[in-house]
Protein backbone atom coordinates (compact mmCIF):
# COMPACT_ATOMS: atom_id res chain seq x y z
CA UNK A 1 0.00 0.00 0.00
CA UNK A 2 1.40 3.38 -1.04
CA UNK A 3 1.53 6.13 1.52
CA UNK A 4 -0.50 9.28 1.03
CA UNK A 5 2.71 11.29 0.70
CA UNK A 6 4.00 9.03 -2.07
CA UNK A 7 0.70 9.39 -3.92
CA UNK A 8 0.89 13.18 -3.43
CA UNK A 9 4.42 13.20 -4.89
CA UNK A 10 3.24 11.17 -7.88
CA UNK A 11 0.34 13.55 -8.49
CA UNK A 12 2.58 16.61 -8.18
CA UNK A 13 5.09 15.07 -10.59
CA UNK A 14 2.36 14.36 -13.13
CA UNK A 15 1.03 17.89 -12.66
CA UNK A 16 4.47 19.30 -13.48
CA UNK A 17 4.68 17.11 -16.61
CA UNK A 18 1.28 18.26 -17.79
CA UNK A 19 2.08 21.91 -17.12
CA UNK A 20 5.25 21.59 -19.22
CA UNK A 21 3.34 19.82 -21.98
CA UNK A 22 0.66 22.51 -22.03
CA UNK A 23 3.32 25.22 -22.33
CA UNK A 24 4.90 23.36 -25.26
CA UNK A 25 1.52 22.99 -26.94
CA UNK A 26 0.78 26.67 -26.45
CA UNK A 27 4.16 27.64 -27.91
CA UNK A 28 3.60 25.37 -30.90
CA UNK A 29 0.13 26.80 -31.53
CA UNK A 30 1.53 30.33 -31.53
CA UNK A 31 4.23 29.68 -34.13
CA UNK A 32 3.11 29.37 -37.71
CA UNK A 33 5.28 29.78 -40.76
CA UNK A 34 3.10 28.31 -43.49
CA UNK A 35 3.54 29.98 -46.85
CA UNK A 36 0.89 28.39 -49.04
CA UNK A 37 -2.61 26.94 -48.70
CA UNK A 38 -1.45 23.32 -48.52
CA UNK A 39 0.96 24.09 -45.70
CA UNK A 40 -1.70 26.11 -43.89
CA UNK A 41 -4.18 23.23 -44.16
CA UNK A 42 -1.60 20.82 -42.76
CA UNK A 43 -0.82 23.22 -39.92
CA UNK A 44 -4.53 23.59 -39.16
CA UNK A 45 -4.93 19.82 -38.86
CA UNK A 46 -1.92 19.73 -36.55
CA UNK A 47 -3.39 22.56 -34.50
CA UNK A 48 -6.61 20.61 -33.98
CA UNK A 49 -4.65 17.64 -32.67
CA UNK A 50 -2.62 19.91 -30.39
CA UNK A 51 -5.77 21.58 -29.09
CA UNK A 52 -7.26 18.17 -28.28
CA UNK A 53 -4.08 17.21 -26.43
CA UNK A 54 -4.20 20.50 -24.55
CA UNK A 55 -7.83 19.92 -23.60
CA UNK A 56 -6.99 16.43 -22.32
CA UNK A 57 -4.09 17.84 -20.30
CA UNK A 58 -6.30 20.55 -18.79
CA UNK A 59 -8.90 17.95 -17.84
CA UNK A 60 -6.28 15.75 -16.19
CA UNK A 61 -4.88 18.78 -14.34
CA UNK A 62 -8.35 19.54 -12.96
CA UNK A 63 -8.63 15.96 -11.76
CA UNK A 64 -5.21 16.15 -10.11
CA UNK A 65 -6.08 19.44 -8.38
CA UNK A 66 -9.30 17.87 -7.08
CA UNK A 67 -7.41 14.80 -5.85
CA UNK A 68 -4.89 17.01 -4.04
CA UNK A 69 -7.77 18.92 -2.43
CA UNK A 70 -9.31 15.63 -1.31
CA UNK A 71 -5.95 14.72 0.22
CA UNK A 72 -5.90 18.00 2.12
CA UNK A 73 -9.45 17.36 3.32
CA UNK A 74 -8.67 13.79 4.39
CA UNK A 75 -11.07 12.36 1.80
CA UNK A 76 -8.60 10.95 -0.73
CA UNK A 77 -9.05 7.28 -1.52
CA UNK A 78 -12.78 7.27 -0.84
CA UNK A 79 -15.41 7.33 -3.55
CA UNK A 80 -17.07 10.74 -3.72
CA UNK A 81 -20.39 9.08 -4.54
CA UNK A 82 -20.68 6.29 -1.97
CA UNK A 83 -17.84 7.02 0.45
CA UNK A 84 -16.45 3.49 0.18
CA UNK A 85 -12.68 3.01 -0.17
CA UNK A 86 -11.34 3.00 -3.72
CA UNK A 87 -9.34 -0.16 -4.43
CA UNK A 88 -5.58 0.28 -4.13
CA UNK A 89 -5.11 -1.24 -7.59
CA UNK A 90 -7.48 1.36 -9.07
CA UNK A 91 -5.59 4.19 -7.37
CA UNK A 92 -2.33 2.75 -8.73
CA UNK A 93 -3.72 3.03 -12.27
CA UNK A 94 -5.74 6.23 -11.83
CA UNK A 95 -4.34 8.12 -8.83
CA UNK A 96 -6.63 11.12 -9.37
CA UNK A 97 -9.85 9.11 -9.66
CA UNK A 98 -12.69 10.27 -7.41
CA UNK A 99 -14.79 7.12 -7.97
CA UNK A 100 -14.75 3.48 -6.99
CA UNK A 101 -15.03 0.99 -9.83
CA UNK A 102 -18.79 0.67 -9.52
CA UNK A 103 -19.49 4.40 -9.66
CA UNK A 104 -16.88 5.17 -12.30
CA UNK A 105 -18.93 3.18 -14.81
CA UNK A 106 -21.89 5.48 -14.13
CA UNK A 107 -19.90 8.63 -14.78
């Protein structure tokens, strides 16, 4: 069983990775050097992919922030729906999850 502090460190490390990734995505979206229509179309497709990656990173960051808040409140590791403990194996795979297996399927 991982300690709460180890889980906190893992979440903070992932948060730092996501923050760096989001900065890289933002930088990439701001730099365009396309000269013709074909290049601009290719860049636009790439931008859509980057925006989707940025959205996914923002969503994961929100989940991490919520998990850290639950840690501070002493509620981490318990399902926010039923209050039952979340399985250790589930927390190993999804450390920011707010739901037990049964309630995750409903959300």
